Amino acid sequence: MEFGEASLPEQQQLLREALVREEFELYVQPIVALDGRADWHMAEVLIRLRQEEKALVPPGEFLPVFEQLQMLPQLDSWVLRHVVQRHLHGKAGRTFSINISAQTLEHAPFVRLFGQIIDASGVPAKSVLFEIEEGDIVARGEAAQRFADGIHAVGGGIVIDGFGTHSLALAQLKALKPQYLKIDGSITRRVASDNSSMFKCQSIRRLGESLGIGVIAEFVETPEALERLKACGIAFAQGYGICRPYPIDSAPRT
């Protein structure tokens, strides 16, 4: 049965079974330094649903169903477990960032699970980062702070994704203690042709420097955008113009 052609109840059943049967695939998209270093040490983890002998189902099709089922914490937990497994099977030295849903921000057992997995595996906690959307932080400030505090207590890191499009207070930003700010794609997509977007990138870079936070430009799709971001002093970037996502097990070993 094609996922997109199934009814909502059928899709829900397919996703429940997919979790049990391990029918998801992890992909990574490298985040590269713009200082000329050839290798990458950090990547965002992406998830796809595998259908037998069929194309992978993109997250935009199945994540809304997980959200309706209130099952995103289960999916995020599945991703976390499998990312740590990859560290144990030859990916040591890499840092992986995992996207966290708004539901998971308010799911206290997830942070406890992170601590348990780190203790049991011996994987360095600092090699796992958790990406939180800036909009979710604004909407769920207390939950986001509790989540960040719990992750930091274990030794993991925080990335604020989609940064620059919401009114996140400076005091809240400082309290979250993120390792990175990831500039929203709506800004970086226009940086090659729009001076105001370039100025916005420069402003975020200066903010990051003042607070000791790294800055990543996402959705970098053209050489022109990449050159403008370098001119802005942005330290890290990711996007199809740099490297398309590929299966995590194809990632180079260190």
Protein backbone atom coordinates (compact mmCIF):
# COMPACT_ATOMS: atom_id res chain seq x y z
CA MET A 1 0.00 0.00 0.00
CA GLU A 2 1.37 3.42 -0.96
CA PHE A 3 1.57 5.62 2.14
CA GLY A 4 0.20 8.68 0.36
CA GLU A 5 -2.77 6.75 -1.01
CA ALA A 6 -3.78 5.22 2.32
CA SER A 7 -6.55 6.61 4.48
CA LEU A 8 -5.62 8.39 7.72
CA PRO A 9 -6.42 5.34 9.90
CA GLU A 10 -4.35 3.18 7.52
CA GLN A 11 -1.47 5.67 7.65
CA GLN A 12 -1.59 5.65 11.42
CA GLN A 13 -1.40 1.87 11.50
CA LEU A 14 1.46 1.85 8.98
CA LEU A 15 3.49 4.25 11.12
CA ARG A 16 2.91 2.28 14.32
CA GLU A 17 4.10 -0.85 12.52
CA ALA A 18 7.05 1.01 10.98
CA LEU A 19 8.40 1.92 14.42
CA VAL A 20 8.19 -1.68 15.57
CA ARG A 21 9.70 -3.06 12.36
CA GLU A 22 12.50 -0.50 12.13
CA GLU A 23 11.31 0.73 8.75
CA PHE A 24 12.86 4.19 8.94
CA GLU A 25 16.08 5.38 7.35
CA LEU A 26 18.45 7.96 8.79
CA TYR A 27 20.09 10.45 6.44
CA VAL A 28 22.61 13.16 7.24
CA GLN A 29 23.36 16.54 5.73
CA PRO A 30 26.85 17.81 6.62
CA ILE A 31 27.37 21.19 8.22
CA VAL A 32 30.68 22.48 6.92
CA ALA A 33 33.11 25.12 8.16
CA LEU A 34 33.59 28.02 5.75
CA ASP A 35 37.24 28.52 6.67
CA GLY A 36 38.51 26.17 3.99
CA ARG A 37 38.64 22.92 5.95
CA ALA A 38 37.88 20.07 3.56
CA ASP A 39 36.29 17.64 6.01
CA TRP A 40 33.11 17.92 8.05
CA HIS A 41 32.65 17.01 11.68
CA MET A 42 28.98 17.89 12.21
CA ALA A 43 25.77 16.92 10.43
CA GLU A 44 22.02 17.28 10.82
CA VAL A 45 20.15 13.98 11.06
CA LEU A 46 17.11 13.58 8.80
CA ILE A 47 14.57 10.76 8.72
CA ARG A 48 12.76 8.98 5.89
CA LEU A 49 10.20 6.18 5.86
CA ARG A 50 11.22 3.16 3.83
CA GLN A 51 8.57 1.34 1.80
CA GLU A 52 9.41 -2.06 0.35
CA GLU A 53 10.81 -1.71 -3.17
CA LYS A 54 9.40 1.83 -3.35
CA ALA A 55 10.75 5.33 -3.01
CA LEU A 56 11.42 6.68 0.46
CA VAL A 57 8.54 8.66 1.95
CA PRO A 58 9.68 12.21 2.83
CA PRO A 59 9.06 13.54 6.36
CA GLY A 60 6.54 16.11 5.14
CA GLU A 61 4.14 13.25 4.45
CA PHE A 62 4.40 11.22 7.65
CA LEU A 63 5.41 13.70 10.38
CA PRO A 64 1.96 15.40 10.42
CA VAL A 65 0.40 11.98 11.06
CA PHE A 66 2.80 11.33 13.94
CA GLU A 67 1.84 14.75 15.29
CA GLN A 68 -1.86 13.92 15.15
CA LEU A 69 -1.17 10.68 17.00
CA GLN A 70 0.87 12.54 19.67
CA MET A 71 3.68 10.08 18.84
CA LEU A 72 6.49 12.46 17.92
CA PRO A 73 8.33 11.79 21.21
CA GLN A 74 8.43 8.10 20.29
CA LEU A 75 9.85 8.93 16.87
CA ASP A 76 12.42 11.34 18.32
CA SER A 77 13.45 8.64 20.81
CA TRP A 78 13.89 6.15 17.95
CA VAL A 79 16.14 8.63 16.15
CA LEU A 80 18.20 9.26 19.29
CA ARG A 81 18.79 5.56 19.92
CA HIS A 82 19.89 4.92 16.35
CA VAL A 83 22.16 7.97 16.20
CA VAL A 84 23.99 6.74 19.29
CA GLN A 85 24.26 3.29 17.71
CA ARG A 86 25.99 4.88 14.71
CA HIS A 87 28.52 6.44 17.07
CA LEU A 88 29.25 2.97 18.41
CA HIS A 89 29.74 1.60 14.90
CA GLY A 90 32.45 3.78 13.46
CA LYS A 91 31.15 7.36 13.54
CA ALA A 92 33.06 8.43 16.65
CA GLY A 93 34.44 11.93 16.27
CA ARG A 94 31.35 13.19 14.47
CA THR A 95 28.71 15.45 16.01
CA PHE A 96 25.11 14.78 15.02
CA SER A 97 22.24 17.22 15.52
CA ILE A 98 18.74 15.81 15.99
CA ASN A 99 15.57 17.81 15.33
CA ILE A 100 13.25 17.89 18.32
CA SER A 101 9.49 18.32 17.98
CA ALA A 102 7.40 20.65 20.11
CA GLN A 103 5.74 17.58 21.65
CA THR A 104 9.11 16.23 22.75
CA LEU A 105 10.02 19.52 24.41
CA GLU A 106 7.19 18.86 26.85
CA HIS A 107 7.92 15.13 27.21
CA ALA A 108 10.11 14.84 30.31
CA PRO A 109 11.04 11.15 29.81
CA PHE A 110 13.01 12.06 26.67
CA VAL A 111 15.73 13.89 28.60
CA ARG A 112 15.95 11.00 31.08
CA LEU A 113 16.26 8.61 28.13
CA PHE A 114 19.14 10.68 26.75
CA GLY A 115 20.97 10.40 30.05
CA GLN A 116 20.37 6.65 30.26
CA ILE A 117 21.57 6.06 26.70
CA ILE A 118 24.70 8.13 27.21
CA ASP A 119 25.52 6.36 30.49
CA ALA A 120 25.00 2.93 28.96
CA SER A 121 26.82 3.57 25.68
CA GLY A 122 29.82 5.60 26.69
CA VAL A 123 29.27 7.89 23.70
CA PRO A 124 30.35 11.47 24.54
CA ALA A 125 27.22 13.46 25.30
CA LYS A 126 28.75 16.53 23.63
CA SER A 127 28.64 14.68 20.29
CA VAL A 128 24.83 14.87 20.27
CA LEU A 129 23.06 18.19 19.68
CA PHE A 130 19.33 18.85 19.72
CA GLU A 131 17.78 21.35 17.32
CA ILE A 132 14.81 23.33 18.64
CA GLU A 133 12.82 25.63 16.38
CA GLU A 134 12.93 29.26 17.48
CA GLY A 135 9.14 29.44 17.06
CA ASP A 136 8.67 26.51 19.47
CA ILE A 137 10.88 28.26 22.02
CA VAL A 138 8.79 31.43 21.77
CA ALA A 139 5.55 29.44 22.09
CA ARG A 140 6.76 27.02 24.80
CA GLY A 141 9.37 28.99 26.69
CA GLU A 142 9.22 27.15 30.02
CA ALA A 143 9.23 23.71 28.39
CA ALA A 144 12.14 24.70 26.14
CA GLN A 145 14.14 25.95 29.12
CA ARG A 146 13.52 22.76 31.11
CA PHE A 147 14.53 20.70 28.09
CA ALA A 148 17.72 22.69 27.50
CA ASP A 149 18.66 22.57 31.19
CA GLY A 150 18.17 18.80 31.22
CA ILE A 151 20.22 18.25 28.06
CA HIS A 152 23.05 20.47 29.36
CA ALA A 153 23.05 18.58 32.67
CA VAL A 154 23.80 15.36 30.76
CA GLY A 155 26.44 17.11 28.63
CA GLY A 156 24.61 17.47 25.32
CA GLY A 157 24.18 20.64 23.30
CA ILE A 158 21.40 22.82 21.91
CA VAL A 159 20.96 24.37 18.46
CA ILE A 160 18.30 27.01 17.87
CA ASP A 161 16.91 26.32 14.42
CA GLY A 162 15.08 28.79 12.18
CA PHE A 163 16.73 31.68 13.99
CA GLY A 164 15.98 35.28 13.03
CA THR A 165 12.26 35.19 12.26
CA HIS A 166 10.75 35.37 15.76
CA SER A 167 11.16 37.77 18.66
CA LEU A 168 13.26 35.64 21.00
CA ALA A 169 14.27 37.74 23.99
CA LEU A 170 17.99 38.17 24.59
CA ALA A 171 17.62 37.03 28.21
CA GLN A 172 15.91 33.84 27.07
CA LEU A 173 18.57 33.23 24.44
CA LYS A 174 21.31 33.55 27.06
CA ALA A 175 19.46 31.24 29.46
CA LEU A 176 19.15 28.49 26.86
CA LYS A 177 22.95 28.46 26.35
CA PRO A 178 22.87 27.14 22.77
CA GLN A 179 26.03 25.98 21.05
CA TYR A 180 24.76 27.22 17.67
CA LEU A 181 22.21 29.51 16.05
CA LYS A 182 21.00 28.27 12.68
CA ILE A 183 19.86 31.18 10.48
CA ASP A 184 16.40 30.58 9.03
CA GLY A 185 16.28 29.50 5.40
CA SER A 186 13.92 32.34 4.49
CA ILE A 187 16.87 34.68 5.16
CA THR A 188 19.70 32.65 3.64
CA ARG A 189 17.77 31.87 0.44
CA ARG A 190 17.63 35.62 -0.31
CA VAL A 191 21.11 36.58 0.81
CA ALA A 192 22.57 36.52 -2.71
CA SER A 193 20.08 39.06 -4.07
CA ASP A 194 18.79 40.99 -1.07
CA ASN A 195 21.04 43.30 0.93
CA SER A 196 18.65 43.39 3.88
CA SER A 197 19.03 39.60 4.22
CA MET A 198 22.80 39.99 4.12
CA PHE A 199 22.64 42.64 6.84
CA LYS A 200 20.45 40.30 8.89
CA CYS A 201 23.06 37.55 8.59
CA GLN A 202 25.77 39.97 9.68
CA SER A 203 23.66 41.02 12.66
CA ILE A 204 23.13 37.40 13.74
CA ARG A 205 26.85 36.71 13.31
CA ARG A 206 27.69 39.66 15.58
CA LEU A 207 25.14 38.47 18.13
CA GLY A 208 26.66 35.00 18.11
CA GLU A 209 30.18 36.39 18.52
CA SER A 210 29.11 38.55 21.46
CA LEU A 211 27.62 35.54 23.25
CA GLY A 212 30.17 32.93 22.22
CA ILE A 213 27.64 31.04 20.07
CA GLY A 214 28.46 29.55 16.67
CA VAL A 215 26.33 30.55 13.67
CA ILE A 216 25.19 28.20 10.89
CA ALA A 217 23.51 29.23 7.64
CA GLU A 218 20.99 26.63 6.45
CA PHE A 219 19.41 26.12 3.01
CA VAL A 220 22.48 27.35 1.17
CA GLU A 221 21.65 26.42 -2.42
CA THR A 222 23.88 28.47 -4.75
CA PRO A 223 27.57 29.45 -5.05
CA GLU A 224 26.50 33.10 -4.96
CA ALA A 225 24.75 32.64 -1.60
CA LEU A 226 27.77 30.79 -0.23
CA GLU A 227 30.13 33.61 -1.23
CA ARG A 228 27.89 36.25 0.31
CA LEU A 229 27.69 34.26 3.55
CA LYS A 230 31.48 34.00 3.66
CA ALA A 231 31.62 37.76 3.16
CA CYS A 232 29.25 38.14 6.13
CA GLY A 233 31.68 36.19 8.29
CA ILE A 234 29.35 33.23 8.83
CA ALA A 235 31.38 30.29 10.15
CA PHE A 236 29.27 27.26 9.13
CA ALA A 237 26.79 26.36 6.41
CA GLN A 238 24.66 23.52 5.09
CA GLY A 239 22.38 23.08 2.12
CA TYR A 240 21.96 21.46 -1.28
CA GLY A 241 24.51 23.88 -2.71
CA ILE A 242 27.12 22.28 -0.44
CA CYS A 243 26.03 18.68 -0.03
CA ARG A 244 22.77 16.83 -0.51
CA PRO A 245 21.59 14.52 2.30
CA TYR A 246 22.76 10.92 2.07
CA PRO A 247 22.32 7.75 4.19
CA ILE A 248 24.03 7.97 7.55
CA ASP A 249 25.78 4.66 7.01
CA SER A 250 27.47 6.15 3.95
CA ALA A 251 29.03 8.91 6.04
CA PRO A 252 32.83 8.73 6.02
CA ARG A 253 34.39 7.07 9.02
CA THR A 254 37.01 8.83 11.10
